[in-house]
Amino acid sequence: MLVSLIYRLSYQGPNYSATFVQSSVLLAMITALVIMVIGNNLARAFGLVGAMSIIRFRTAVKDTQDIVFIFFALAAGMAAGVGFRIVAFMGTLFIGIVLLLLAKTNYAAPKKREFLLQFLYEDGDEKSSYLNILQRYCKEHRLVNMQSIGPEHRYELSFYIILKNKEDSSELIRALDTLPEVSDIRFFFDEEPLK
């Protein structure tokens, strides 16, 4: 858990993944199970290397947790295969409970909820009119794309925004819709966490 907390606090990249953070917790536990099974036995260590070399990823694995489950099944099977049935059962039970707790509590889910806001803007005299509205409803907003549409000073603007109050999305759209230079407003929600 401490390793995953350090990762969460230090991560600065754009593609934060909650399943990767959860997988780091589970991999530490699975590694402990494997080391308990291997002990000081050199033959078991070579057997584990041989078993892992059998696993070939011919198709791209899309989720980190899929790989964790493969190693989890391998570790439990190895423990049962060498006769450590209690270690296999208790390890599977304990790791399974931790896995379910991480999933139920939505551990490592991102705290900030970003939305994508797009609209067409016709360049007029009041250049900051939409910015005033964004500042009123958003904690943060940053322009991520600006595209010229046609010859007459029309632009498609795309913003990542974090709302001050997540229920204010419809009010934000209504406020932008009152501006004559803004049209074709699109607001994209991020995925809701599964419960």
N, C-alpha and C. Protein backbone atom coordinates (compact mmCIF):
# COMPACT_ATOMS: atom_id res chain seq x y z
N MET A 1 0.83 -1.19 0.00
CA MET A 1 0.00 0.00 0.00
C MET A 1 0.87 1.25 0.00
N LEU A 2 1.98 1.20 0.73
CA LEU A 2 2.86 2.36 0.80
C LEU A 2 3.47 2.67 -0.57
N VAL A 3 3.88 1.64 -1.29
CA VAL A 3 4.44 1.84 -2.64
C VAL A 3 3.39 2.50 -3.54
N SER A 4 2.14 2.02 -3.47
CA SER A 4 1.10 2.59 -4.32
C SER A 4 0.79 4.04 -3.92
N LEU A 5 0.86 4.35 -2.63
CA LEU A 5 0.64 5.73 -2.18
C LEU A 5 1.74 6.66 -2.68
N ILE A 6 2.98 6.19 -2.63
CA ILE A 6 4.09 6.99 -3.14
C ILE A 6 3.91 7.24 -4.64
N TYR A 7 3.49 6.21 -5.36
CA TYR A 7 3.25 6.37 -6.80
C TYR A 7 2.16 7.40 -7.07
N ARG A 8 1.07 7.30 -6.33
CA ARG A 8 -0.06 8.24 -6.53
C ARG A 8 0.36 9.67 -6.25
N LEU A 9 1.14 9.88 -5.20
CA LEU A 9 1.54 11.24 -4.83
C LEU A 9 2.59 11.81 -5.77
N SER A 10 3.41 10.95 -6.37
CA SER A 10 4.51 11.44 -7.19
C SER A 10 4.21 11.44 -8.68
N TYR A 11 3.11 10.80 -9.12
CA TYR A 11 2.84 10.68 -10.56
C TYR A 11 2.44 12.02 -11.15
N GLN A 12 3.07 12.40 -12.26
CA GLN A 12 2.79 13.67 -12.91
C GLN A 12 2.34 13.51 -14.36
N GLY A 13 2.30 12.29 -14.87
CA GLY A 13 2.01 12.07 -16.29
C GLY A 13 0.54 12.23 -16.64
N PRO A 14 0.22 12.16 -17.94
CA PRO A 14 -1.15 12.38 -18.39
C PRO A 14 -2.05 11.15 -18.32
N ASN A 15 -1.47 9.95 -18.26
CA ASN A 15 -2.28 8.73 -18.36
C ASN A 15 -2.31 7.96 -17.05
N TYR A 16 -2.82 8.58 -16.02
CA TYR A 16 -2.92 7.93 -14.71
C TYR A 16 -3.91 6.76 -14.80
N SER A 17 -3.52 5.62 -14.24
CA SER A 17 -4.37 4.43 -14.29
C SER A 17 -4.57 3.87 -12.89
N ALA A 18 -5.83 3.82 -12.45
CA ALA A 18 -6.13 3.28 -11.13
C ALA A 18 -5.83 1.79 -11.06
N THR A 19 -6.04 1.05 -12.15
CA THR A 19 -5.76 -0.39 -12.13
C THR A 19 -4.26 -0.66 -12.00
N PHE A 20 -3.44 0.22 -12.54
CA PHE A 20 -1.99 0.05 -12.37
C PHE A 20 -1.61 0.20 -10.91
N VAL A 21 -2.19 1.17 -10.22
CA VAL A 21 -1.89 1.39 -8.80
C VAL A 21 -2.36 0.19 -7.98
N GLN A 22 -3.57 -0.30 -8.27
CA GLN A 22 -4.08 -1.48 -7.55
C GLN A 22 -3.21 -2.69 -7.84
N SER A 23 -2.73 -2.80 -9.08
CA SER A 23 -1.89 -3.94 -9.45
C SER A 23 -0.57 -3.94 -8.69
N SER A 24 -0.04 -2.76 -8.39
CA SER A 24 1.22 -2.72 -7.63
C SER A 24 1.04 -3.28 -6.22
N VAL A 25 -0.13 -3.05 -5.63
CA VAL A 25 -0.43 -3.63 -4.30
C VAL A 25 -0.50 -5.15 -4.40
N LEU A 26 -1.21 -5.63 -5.42
CA LEU A 26 -1.40 -7.07 -5.56
C LEU A 26 -0.11 -7.79 -5.94
N LEU A 27 0.72 -7.17 -6.79
CA LEU A 27 1.97 -7.82 -7.19
C LEU A 27 2.90 -8.04 -6.01
N ALA A 28 2.93 -7.10 -5.08
CA ALA A 28 3.76 -7.27 -3.89
C ALA A 28 3.30 -8.49 -3.08
N MET A 29 1.98 -8.65 -2.97
CA MET A 29 1.45 -9.79 -2.21
C MET A 29 1.69 -11.10 -2.94
N ILE A 30 1.52 -11.10 -4.26
CA ILE A 30 1.73 -12.31 -5.04
C ILE A 30 3.20 -12.72 -5.01
N THR A 31 4.09 -11.74 -5.07
CA THR A 31 5.53 -12.04 -4.99
C THR A 31 5.87 -12.67 -3.65
N ALA A 32 5.26 -12.16 -2.58
CA ALA A 32 5.49 -12.76 -1.25
C ALA A 32 5.02 -14.21 -1.23
N LEU A 33 3.88 -14.49 -1.87
CA LEU A 33 3.38 -15.87 -1.94
C LEU A 33 4.35 -16.76 -2.72
N VAL A 34 4.86 -16.26 -3.83
CA VAL A 34 5.81 -17.04 -4.64
C VAL A 34 7.08 -17.33 -3.85
N ILE A 35 7.59 -16.33 -3.14
CA ILE A 35 8.83 -16.53 -2.37
C ILE A 35 8.60 -17.53 -1.24
N MET A 36 7.41 -17.51 -0.63
CA MET A 36 7.10 -18.51 0.40
C MET A 36 7.12 -19.91 -0.19
N VAL A 37 6.63 -20.06 -1.41
CA VAL A 37 6.60 -21.38 -2.05
C VAL A 37 8.01 -21.83 -2.44
N ILE A 38 8.80 -20.91 -3.00
CA ILE A 38 10.15 -21.28 -3.45
C ILE A 38 11.06 -21.58 -2.27
N GLY A 39 11.03 -20.71 -1.25
CA GLY A 39 11.90 -20.91 -0.09
C GLY A 39 13.36 -20.96 -0.52
N ASN A 40 14.09 -21.97 -0.07
CA ASN A 40 15.50 -22.14 -0.43
C ASN A 40 15.68 -23.21 -1.49
N ASN A 41 14.61 -23.65 -2.12
CA ASN A 41 14.66 -24.74 -3.07
C ASN A 41 15.00 -24.22 -4.46
N LEU A 42 16.18 -24.58 -4.96
CA LEU A 42 16.64 -24.13 -6.27
C LEU A 42 15.81 -24.74 -7.40
N ALA A 43 15.37 -25.99 -7.23
CA ALA A 43 14.57 -26.65 -8.27
C ALA A 43 13.23 -25.92 -8.46
N ARG A 44 12.60 -25.48 -7.36
CA ARG A 44 11.34 -24.74 -7.49
C ARG A 44 11.55 -23.39 -8.19
N ALA A 45 12.68 -22.76 -7.89
CA ALA A 45 12.97 -21.47 -8.53
C ALA A 45 13.10 -21.65 -10.04
N PHE A 46 13.82 -22.70 -10.48
CA PHE A 46 13.92 -22.95 -11.91
C PHE A 46 12.57 -23.37 -12.50
N GLY A 47 11.79 -24.09 -11.72
CA GLY A 47 10.45 -24.47 -12.18
C GLY A 47 9.56 -23.26 -12.41
N LEU A 48 9.67 -22.28 -11.52
CA LEU A 48 8.88 -21.05 -11.68
C LEU A 48 9.31 -20.29 -12.93
N VAL A 49 10.62 -20.20 -13.16
CA VAL A 49 11.11 -19.53 -14.37
C VAL A 49 10.60 -20.26 -15.61
N GLY A 50 10.61 -21.57 -15.57
CA GLY A 50 10.09 -22.35 -16.70
C GLY A 50 8.60 -22.14 -16.91
N ALA A 51 7.85 -22.11 -15.80
CA ALA A 51 6.40 -21.89 -15.91
C ALA A 51 6.09 -20.50 -16.46
N MET A 52 6.86 -19.51 -16.04
CA MET A 52 6.61 -18.14 -16.54
C MET A 52 7.01 -17.99 -18.00
N SER A 53 8.00 -18.78 -18.44
CA SER A 53 8.40 -18.68 -19.84
C SER A 53 7.37 -19.32 -20.76
N ILE A 54 6.50 -20.17 -20.21
CA ILE A 54 5.43 -20.77 -21.02
C ILE A 54 4.41 -19.72 -21.42
N ILE A 55 4.19 -18.76 -20.53
CA ILE A 55 3.19 -17.71 -20.80
C ILE A 55 3.71 -16.82 -21.90
N ARG A 56 3.00 -16.80 -23.00
CA ARG A 56 3.36 -15.94 -24.11
C ARG A 56 2.21 -15.00 -24.36
N PHE A 57 2.52 -13.75 -24.50
CA PHE A 57 1.50 -12.75 -24.76
C PHE A 57 1.48 -12.46 -26.26
N ARG A 58 0.79 -13.31 -27.00
CA ARG A 58 0.71 -13.11 -28.45
C ARG A 58 -0.23 -11.96 -28.78
N THR A 59 -1.21 -11.73 -27.93
CA THR A 59 -2.09 -10.58 -28.13
C THR A 59 -1.75 -9.53 -27.09
N ALA A 60 -1.96 -8.29 -27.45
CA ALA A 60 -1.64 -7.20 -26.52
C ALA A 60 -2.58 -7.25 -25.32
N VAL A 61 -2.01 -7.21 -24.13
CA VAL A 61 -2.82 -7.19 -22.91
C VAL A 61 -3.21 -5.74 -22.66
N LYS A 62 -4.53 -5.47 -22.63
CA LYS A 62 -5.00 -4.09 -22.55
C LYS A 62 -5.04 -3.56 -21.13
N ASP A 63 -5.18 -4.43 -20.16
CA ASP A 63 -5.31 -3.96 -18.78
C ASP A 63 -4.22 -4.60 -17.93
N THR A 64 -3.59 -3.81 -17.09
CA THR A 64 -2.52 -4.28 -16.23
C THR A 64 -3.01 -5.38 -15.30
N GLN A 65 -4.26 -5.28 -14.87
CA GLN A 65 -4.78 -6.25 -13.91
C GLN A 65 -4.91 -7.64 -14.53
N ASP A 66 -5.03 -7.73 -15.84
CA ASP A 66 -5.07 -9.04 -16.49
C ASP A 66 -3.77 -9.80 -16.27
N ILE A 67 -2.65 -9.11 -16.39
CA ILE A 67 -1.35 -9.73 -16.15
C ILE A 67 -1.23 -10.15 -14.69
N VAL A 68 -1.72 -9.30 -13.78
CA VAL A 68 -1.66 -9.63 -12.36
C VAL A 68 -2.44 -10.91 -12.07
N PHE A 69 -3.60 -11.07 -12.69
CA PHE A 69 -4.39 -12.28 -12.47
C PHE A 69 -3.69 -13.52 -13.03
N ILE A 70 -2.96 -13.36 -14.13
CA ILE A 70 -2.20 -14.50 -14.66
C ILE A 70 -1.15 -14.93 -13.66
N PHE A 71 -0.40 -13.98 -13.09
CA PHE A 71 0.62 -14.32 -12.10
C PHE A 71 -0.01 -14.82 -10.80
N PHE A 72 -1.16 -14.29 -10.45
CA PHE A 72 -1.88 -14.74 -9.26
C PHE A 72 -2.25 -16.22 -9.40
N ALA A 73 -2.83 -16.58 -10.54
CA ALA A 73 -3.20 -17.97 -10.79
C ALA A 73 -1.96 -18.87 -10.82
N LEU A 74 -0.88 -18.37 -11.41
CA LEU A 74 0.36 -19.13 -11.48
C LEU A 74 0.93 -19.39 -10.08
N ALA A 75 0.92 -18.36 -9.23
CA ALA A 75 1.45 -18.51 -7.87
C ALA A 75 0.60 -19.47 -7.05
N ALA A 76 -0.72 -19.34 -7.14
CA ALA A 76 -1.61 -20.24 -6.39
C ALA A 76 -1.47 -21.67 -6.88
N GLY A 77 -1.38 -21.84 -8.19
CA GLY A 77 -1.20 -23.19 -8.74
C GLY A 77 0.12 -23.81 -8.36
N MET A 78 1.15 -23.01 -8.34
CA MET A 78 2.46 -23.51 -7.95
C MET A 78 2.47 -23.93 -6.48
N ALA A 79 1.85 -23.12 -5.62
CA ALA A 79 1.78 -23.46 -4.19
C ALA A 79 1.02 -24.77 -3.98
N ALA A 80 -0.10 -24.91 -4.68
CA ALA A 80 -0.87 -26.16 -4.55
C ALA A 80 -0.11 -27.33 -5.15
N GLY A 81 0.60 -27.09 -6.24
CA GLY A 81 1.32 -28.17 -6.92
C GLY A 81 2.48 -28.74 -6.13
N VAL A 82 3.15 -27.93 -5.33
CA VAL A 82 4.27 -28.44 -4.53
C VAL A 82 3.82 -28.96 -3.17
N GLY A 83 2.52 -28.95 -2.93
CA GLY A 83 1.99 -29.53 -1.70
C GLY A 83 1.72 -28.54 -0.59
N PHE A 84 1.92 -27.25 -0.84
CA PHE A 84 1.61 -26.23 0.17
C PHE A 84 0.16 -25.79 0.01
N ARG A 85 -0.75 -26.72 0.29
CA ARG A 85 -2.17 -26.44 0.06
C ARG A 85 -2.70 -25.34 0.98
N ILE A 86 -2.23 -25.30 2.22
CA ILE A 86 -2.69 -24.26 3.15
C ILE A 86 -2.19 -22.89 2.70
N VAL A 87 -0.93 -22.83 2.26
CA VAL A 87 -0.37 -21.57 1.75
C VAL A 87 -1.16 -21.14 0.51
N ALA A 88 -1.45 -22.10 -0.38
CA ALA A 88 -2.22 -21.78 -1.60
C ALA A 88 -3.60 -21.26 -1.25
N PHE A 89 -4.28 -21.94 -0.32
CA PHE A 89 -5.64 -21.53 0.04
C PHE A 89 -5.65 -20.19 0.77
N MET A 90 -4.79 -20.06 1.78
CA MET A 90 -4.77 -18.81 2.56
C MET A 90 -4.29 -17.63 1.71
N GLY A 91 -3.28 -17.87 0.86
CA GLY A 91 -2.79 -16.82 -0.02
C GLY A 91 -3.86 -16.37 -1.00
N THR A 92 -4.56 -17.33 -1.60
CA THR A 92 -5.64 -17.00 -2.54
C THR A 92 -6.76 -16.25 -1.82
N LEU A 93 -7.11 -16.72 -0.64
CA LEU A 93 -8.18 -16.08 0.12
C LEU A 93 -7.80 -14.65 0.51
N PHE A 94 -6.60 -14.47 1.05
CA PHE A 94 -6.17 -13.15 1.51
C PHE A 94 -6.01 -12.17 0.35
N ILE A 95 -5.34 -12.61 -0.71
CA ILE A 95 -5.15 -11.74 -1.89
C ILE A 95 -6.50 -11.43 -2.54
N GLY A 96 -7.39 -12.43 -2.58
CA GLY A 96 -8.73 -12.21 -3.15
C GLY A 96 -9.53 -11.18 -2.35
N ILE A 97 -9.46 -11.26 -1.02
CA ILE A 97 -10.18 -10.28 -0.18
C ILE A 97 -9.62 -8.87 -0.40
N VAL A 98 -8.29 -8.75 -0.44
CA VAL A 98 -7.68 -7.44 -0.68
C VAL A 98 -8.08 -6.92 -2.05
N LEU A 99 -8.10 -7.78 -3.05
CA LEU A 99 -8.50 -7.39 -4.40
C LEU A 99 -9.94 -6.87 -4.43
N LEU A 100 -10.85 -7.59 -3.76
CA LEU A 100 -12.24 -7.15 -3.72
C LEU A 100 -12.40 -5.83 -2.95
N LEU A 101 -11.64 -5.68 -1.86
CA LEU A 101 -11.69 -4.41 -1.11
C LEU A 101 -11.19 -3.24 -1.95
N LEU A 102 -10.11 -3.45 -2.69
CA LEU A 102 -9.60 -2.39 -3.56
C LEU A 102 -10.63 -2.01 -4.62
N ALA A 103 -11.30 -3.02 -5.17
CA ALA A 103 -12.31 -2.75 -6.21
C ALA A 103 -13.54 -2.06 -5.62
N LYS A 104 -14.01 -2.52 -4.46
CA LYS A 104 -15.22 -1.94 -3.86
C LYS A 104 -15.01 -0.52 -3.36
N THR A 105 -13.83 -0.24 -2.81
CA THR A 105 -13.57 1.10 -2.30
C THR A 105 -13.09 2.05 -3.39
N ASN A 106 -12.93 1.52 -4.61
CA ASN A 106 -12.47 2.32 -5.75
C ASN A 106 -11.13 2.98 -5.41
N TYR A 107 -10.26 2.19 -4.79
CA TYR A 107 -8.95 2.67 -4.36
C TYR A 107 -8.16 3.16 -5.56
N ALA A 108 -7.52 4.28 -5.41
CA ALA A 108 -6.63 4.89 -6.40
C ALA A 108 -7.36 5.57 -7.55
N ALA A 109 -8.68 5.73 -7.43
CA ALA A 109 -9.40 6.45 -8.48
C ALA A 109 -8.96 7.91 -8.47
N PRO A 110 -8.87 8.52 -9.64
CA PRO A 110 -8.45 9.92 -9.66
C PRO A 110 -9.43 10.80 -8.90
N LYS A 111 -8.90 11.78 -8.17
CA LYS A 111 -9.75 12.64 -7.36
C LYS A 111 -10.39 13.74 -8.18
N LYS A 112 -9.65 14.24 -9.17
CA LYS A 112 -10.20 15.30 -9.99
C LYS A 112 -11.02 14.69 -11.13
N ARG A 113 -12.15 15.31 -11.45
CA ARG A 113 -12.95 14.87 -12.57
C ARG A 113 -12.88 15.92 -13.65
N GLU A 114 -12.24 15.55 -14.75
CA GLU A 114 -12.13 16.47 -15.86
C GLU A 114 -13.23 16.18 -16.87
N PHE A 115 -13.70 17.24 -17.49
CA PHE A 115 -14.69 17.13 -18.56
C PHE A 115 -14.12 17.82 -19.78
N LEU A 116 -14.62 17.44 -20.93
CA LEU A 116 -14.22 18.07 -22.17
C LEU A 116 -15.36 18.97 -22.64
N LEU A 117 -15.04 20.22 -22.88
CA LEU A 117 -16.02 21.21 -23.34
C LEU A 117 -15.56 21.71 -24.70
N GLN A 118 -16.46 21.61 -25.68
CA GLN A 118 -16.15 22.09 -27.03
C GLN A 118 -17.25 23.03 -27.48
N PHE A 119 -16.86 24.07 -28.20
CA PHE A 119 -17.85 24.96 -28.80
C PHE A 119 -17.21 25.74 -29.95
N LEU A 120 -18.09 26.27 -30.80
CA LEU A 120 -17.64 27.13 -31.89
C LEU A 120 -17.66 28.56 -31.40
N TYR A 121 -16.62 29.30 -31.75
CA TYR A 121 -16.51 30.68 -31.30
C TYR A 121 -16.24 31.57 -32.52
N GLU A 122 -17.05 32.60 -32.66
CA GLU A 122 -16.84 33.55 -33.74
C GLU A 122 -16.12 34.76 -33.17
N ASP A 123 -14.95 35.03 -33.73
CA ASP A 123 -14.09 36.09 -33.20
C ASP A 123 -14.77 37.44 -33.37
N GLY A 124 -15.11 38.08 -32.24
CA GLY A 124 -15.75 39.39 -32.27
C GLY A 124 -15.00 40.36 -31.39
N ASP A 125 -15.69 41.39 -30.95
CA ASP A 125 -15.06 42.41 -30.11
C ASP A 125 -14.82 41.90 -28.69
N GLU A 126 -15.76 41.12 -28.16
CA GLU A 126 -15.68 40.64 -26.77
C GLU A 126 -14.94 39.30 -26.73
N LYS A 127 -13.62 39.35 -26.74
CA LYS A 127 -12.84 38.12 -26.82
C LYS A 127 -12.85 37.32 -25.53
N SER A 128 -13.06 37.97 -24.42
CA SER A 128 -12.99 37.26 -23.15
C SER A 128 -14.35 36.94 -22.56
N SER A 129 -15.43 37.09 -23.31
CA SER A 129 -16.76 36.84 -22.76
C SER A 129 -16.94 35.40 -22.31
N TYR A 130 -16.47 34.44 -23.10
CA TYR A 130 -16.59 33.04 -22.69
C TYR A 130 -15.64 32.73 -21.54
N LEU A 131 -14.49 33.43 -21.49
CA LEU A 131 -13.54 33.19 -20.40
C LEU A 131 -14.12 33.60 -19.05
N ASN A 132 -14.90 34.67 -19.01
CA ASN A 132 -15.55 35.08 -17.76
C ASN A 132 -16.49 34.00 -17.25
N ILE A 133 -17.23 33.39 -18.16
CA ILE A 133 -18.16 32.32 -17.78
C ILE A 133 -17.38 31.10 -17.29
N LEU A 134 -16.31 30.74 -18.00
CA LEU A 134 -15.50 29.59 -17.56
C LEU A 134 -14.91 29.83 -16.18
N GLN A 135 -14.46 31.05 -15.91
CA GLN A 135 -13.90 31.35 -14.59
C GLN A 135 -14.96 31.30 -13.50
N ARG A 136 -16.20 31.63 -13.85
CA ARG A 136 -17.28 31.62 -12.86
C ARG A 136 -17.65 30.19 -12.46
N TYR A 137 -17.66 29.25 -13.40
CA TYR A 137 -18.14 27.89 -13.13
C TYR A 137 -17.03 26.85 -12.93
N CYS A 138 -15.79 27.17 -13.31
CA CYS A 138 -14.74 26.16 -13.30
C CYS A 138 -13.64 26.47 -12.29
N LYS A 139 -13.17 25.42 -11.60
CA LYS A 139 -11.97 25.54 -10.77
C LYS A 139 -10.76 25.72 -11.67
N GLU A 140 -10.71 24.89 -12.72
CA GLU A 140 -9.61 24.94 -13.67
C GLU A 140 -10.18 24.80 -15.07
N HIS A 141 -9.55 25.47 -16.01
CA HIS A 141 -9.87 25.26 -17.43
C HIS A 141 -8.60 25.51 -18.23
N ARG A 142 -8.38 24.62 -19.20
CA ARG A 142 -7.22 24.83 -20.06
C ARG A 142 -7.58 24.46 -21.49
N LEU A 143 -7.15 25.30 -22.37
CA LEU A 143 -7.39 25.11 -23.80
C LEU A 143 -6.49 24.00 -24.30
N VAL A 144 -7.09 22.97 -24.92
CA VAL A 144 -6.29 21.86 -25.41
C VAL A 144 -6.29 21.77 -26.93
N ASN A 145 -7.24 22.45 -27.58
CA ASN A 145 -7.27 22.41 -29.04
C ASN A 145 -8.00 23.65 -29.55
N MET A 146 -7.46 24.23 -30.62
CA MET A 146 -8.10 25.37 -31.28
C MET A 146 -7.97 25.14 -32.77
N GLN A 147 -9.11 25.12 -33.45
CA GLN A 147 -9.11 24.80 -34.87
C GLN A 147 -9.91 25.85 -35.63
N SER A 148 -9.35 26.34 -36.72
CA SER A 148 -10.04 27.33 -37.54
C SER A 148 -11.10 26.63 -38.39
N ILE A 149 -12.30 27.20 -38.39
CA ILE A 149 -13.41 26.63 -39.16
C ILE A 149 -13.82 27.66 -40.21
N GLY A 150 -13.53 27.40 -41.47
CA GLY A 150 -13.95 28.30 -42.54
C GLY A 150 -13.12 29.57 -42.59
N PRO A 151 -13.41 30.40 -43.58
CA PRO A 151 -12.60 31.60 -43.78
C PRO A 151 -12.96 32.75 -42.84
N GLU A 152 -14.15 32.75 -42.24
CA GLU A 152 -14.60 33.92 -41.49
C GLU A 152 -14.37 33.81 -39.99
N HIS A 153 -13.17 33.87 -39.51
CA HIS A 153 -12.78 33.97 -38.09
C HIS A 153 -13.64 33.14 -37.14
N ARG A 154 -13.94 31.93 -37.50
CA ARG A 154 -14.64 31.02 -36.60
C ARG A 154 -13.66 29.95 -36.15
N TYR A 155 -13.76 29.60 -34.88
CA TYR A 155 -12.83 28.64 -34.30
C TYR A 155 -13.60 27.60 -33.50
N GLU A 156 -13.10 26.39 -33.55
CA GLU A 156 -13.61 25.35 -32.65
C GLU A 156 -12.62 25.27 -31.49
N LEU A 157 -13.10 25.53 -30.28
CA LEU A 157 -12.27 25.52 -29.09
C LEU A 157 -12.60 24.29 -28.25
N SER A 158 -11.57 23.64 -27.73
CA SER A 158 -11.74 22.49 -26.84
C SER A 158 -11.00 22.76 -25.54
N PHE A 159 -11.71 22.61 -24.43
CA PHE A 159 -11.15 22.85 -23.10
C PHE A 159 -11.30 21.61 -22.24
N TYR A 160 -10.28 21.32 -21.44
CA TYR A 160 -10.44 20.41 -20.31
C TYR A 160 -10.82 21.29 -19.13
N ILE A 161 -11.91 20.94 -18.46
CA ILE A 161 -12.37 21.76 -17.34
C ILE A 161 -12.61 20.89 -16.11
N ILE A 162 -12.47 21.52 -14.94
CA ILE A 162 -12.87 20.91 -13.67
C ILE A 162 -13.86 21.87 -13.06
N LEU A 163 -15.10 21.43 -12.88
CA LEU A 163 -16.15 22.30 -12.37
C LEU A 163 -15.99 22.56 -10.88
N LYS A 164 -16.41 23.73 -10.45
CA LYS A 164 -16.43 24.03 -9.02
C LYS A 164 -17.46 23.15 -8.32
N ASN A 165 -18.60 22.97 -8.99
CA ASN A 165 -19.65 22.10 -8.48
C ASN A 165 -20.09 21.23 -9.66
N LYS A 166 -19.96 19.91 -9.52
CA LYS A 166 -20.21 19.04 -10.68
C LYS A 166 -21.65 19.06 -11.17
N GLU A 167 -22.57 19.59 -10.36
CA GLU A 167 -23.97 19.70 -10.80
C GLU A 167 -24.20 20.95 -11.66
N ASP A 168 -23.20 21.80 -11.82
CA ASP A 168 -23.35 23.04 -12.56
C ASP A 168 -23.14 22.90 -14.06
N SER A 169 -23.03 21.70 -14.57
CA SER A 169 -22.74 21.53 -16.00
C SER A 169 -23.83 22.13 -16.88
N SER A 170 -25.09 21.91 -16.53
CA SER A 170 -26.17 22.46 -17.36
C SER A 170 -26.21 23.99 -17.27
N GLU A 171 -25.91 24.56 -16.10
CA GLU A 171 -25.87 26.01 -15.97
C GLU A 171 -24.73 26.61 -16.78
N LEU A 172 -23.60 25.93 -16.81
CA LEU A 172 -22.47 26.39 -17.63
C LEU A 172 -22.86 26.42 -19.10
N ILE A 173 -23.52 25.38 -19.56
CA ILE A 173 -23.94 25.32 -20.97
C ILE A 173 -24.95 26.42 -21.27
N ARG A 174 -25.90 26.63 -20.35
CA ARG A 174 -26.89 27.71 -20.56
C ARG A 174 -26.22 29.08 -20.62
N ALA A 175 -25.26 29.31 -19.73
CA ALA A 175 -24.57 30.60 -19.70
C ALA A 175 -23.78 30.82 -20.99
N LEU A 176 -23.10 29.79 -21.48
CA LEU A 176 -22.37 29.92 -22.74
C LEU A 176 -23.32 30.13 -23.92
N ASP A 177 -24.48 29.49 -23.84
CA ASP A 177 -25.45 29.57 -24.93
C ASP A 177 -26.05 30.98 -25.07
N THR A 178 -25.99 31.78 -24.01
CA THR A 178 -26.52 33.15 -24.09
C THR A 178 -25.60 34.07 -24.89
N LEU A 179 -24.35 33.65 -25.10
CA LEU A 179 -23.40 34.49 -25.84
C LEU A 179 -23.64 34.35 -27.34
N PRO A 180 -23.81 35.46 -28.06
CA PRO A 180 -24.09 35.36 -29.49
C PRO A 180 -22.91 34.82 -30.30
N GLU A 181 -21.69 34.98 -29.79
CA GLU A 181 -20.52 34.52 -30.54
C GLU A 181 -20.18 33.05 -30.30
N VAL A 182 -20.93 32.38 -29.40
CA VAL A 182 -20.69 30.97 -29.09
C VAL A 182 -21.85 30.14 -29.61
N SER A 183 -21.52 29.01 -30.27
CA SER A 183 -22.57 28.11 -30.79
C SER A 183 -22.06 26.68 -30.75
N ASP A 184 -22.96 25.76 -31.00
CA ASP A 184 -22.64 24.33 -31.11
C ASP A 184 -21.84 23.83 -29.91
N ILE A 185 -22.40 23.98 -28.69
CA ILE A 185 -21.72 23.60 -27.45
C ILE A 185 -21.84 22.10 -27.23
N ARG A 186 -20.72 21.46 -26.94
CA ARG A 186 -20.71 20.02 -26.64
C ARG A 186 -19.95 19.82 -25.33
N PHE A 187 -20.55 19.05 -24.45
CA PHE A 187 -19.99 18.81 -23.11
C PHE A 187 -19.87 17.30 -22.95
N PHE A 188 -18.65 16.79 -22.77
CA PHE A 188 -18.42 15.36 -22.67
C PHE A 188 -18.08 15.00 -21.23
N PHE A 189 -18.86 14.07 -20.67
CA PHE A 189 -18.62 13.59 -19.32
C PHE A 189 -17.56 12.51 -19.35
N ASP A 190 -16.77 12.42 -18.27
CA ASP A 190 -15.88 11.28 -18.15
C ASP A 190 -16.69 10.09 -17.67
N GLU A 191 -16.07 8.91 -17.65
CA GLU A 191 -16.79 7.70 -17.24
C GLU A 191 -17.05 7.73 -15.75
N GLU A 192 -18.27 7.35 -15.36
CA GLU A 192 -18.60 7.23 -13.94
C GLU A 192 -17.92 6.00 -13.37
N PRO A 193 -17.39 6.06 -12.16
CA PRO A 193 -16.80 4.88 -11.56
C PRO A 193 -17.86 3.82 -11.29
N LEU A 194 -17.50 2.57 -11.53
CA LEU A 194 -18.44 1.47 -11.29
C LEU A 194 -18.57 1.23 -9.79
N LYS A 195 -19.79 0.96 -9.35
CA LYS A 195 -20.01 0.71 -7.93
C LYS A 195 -20.56 -0.67 -7.72
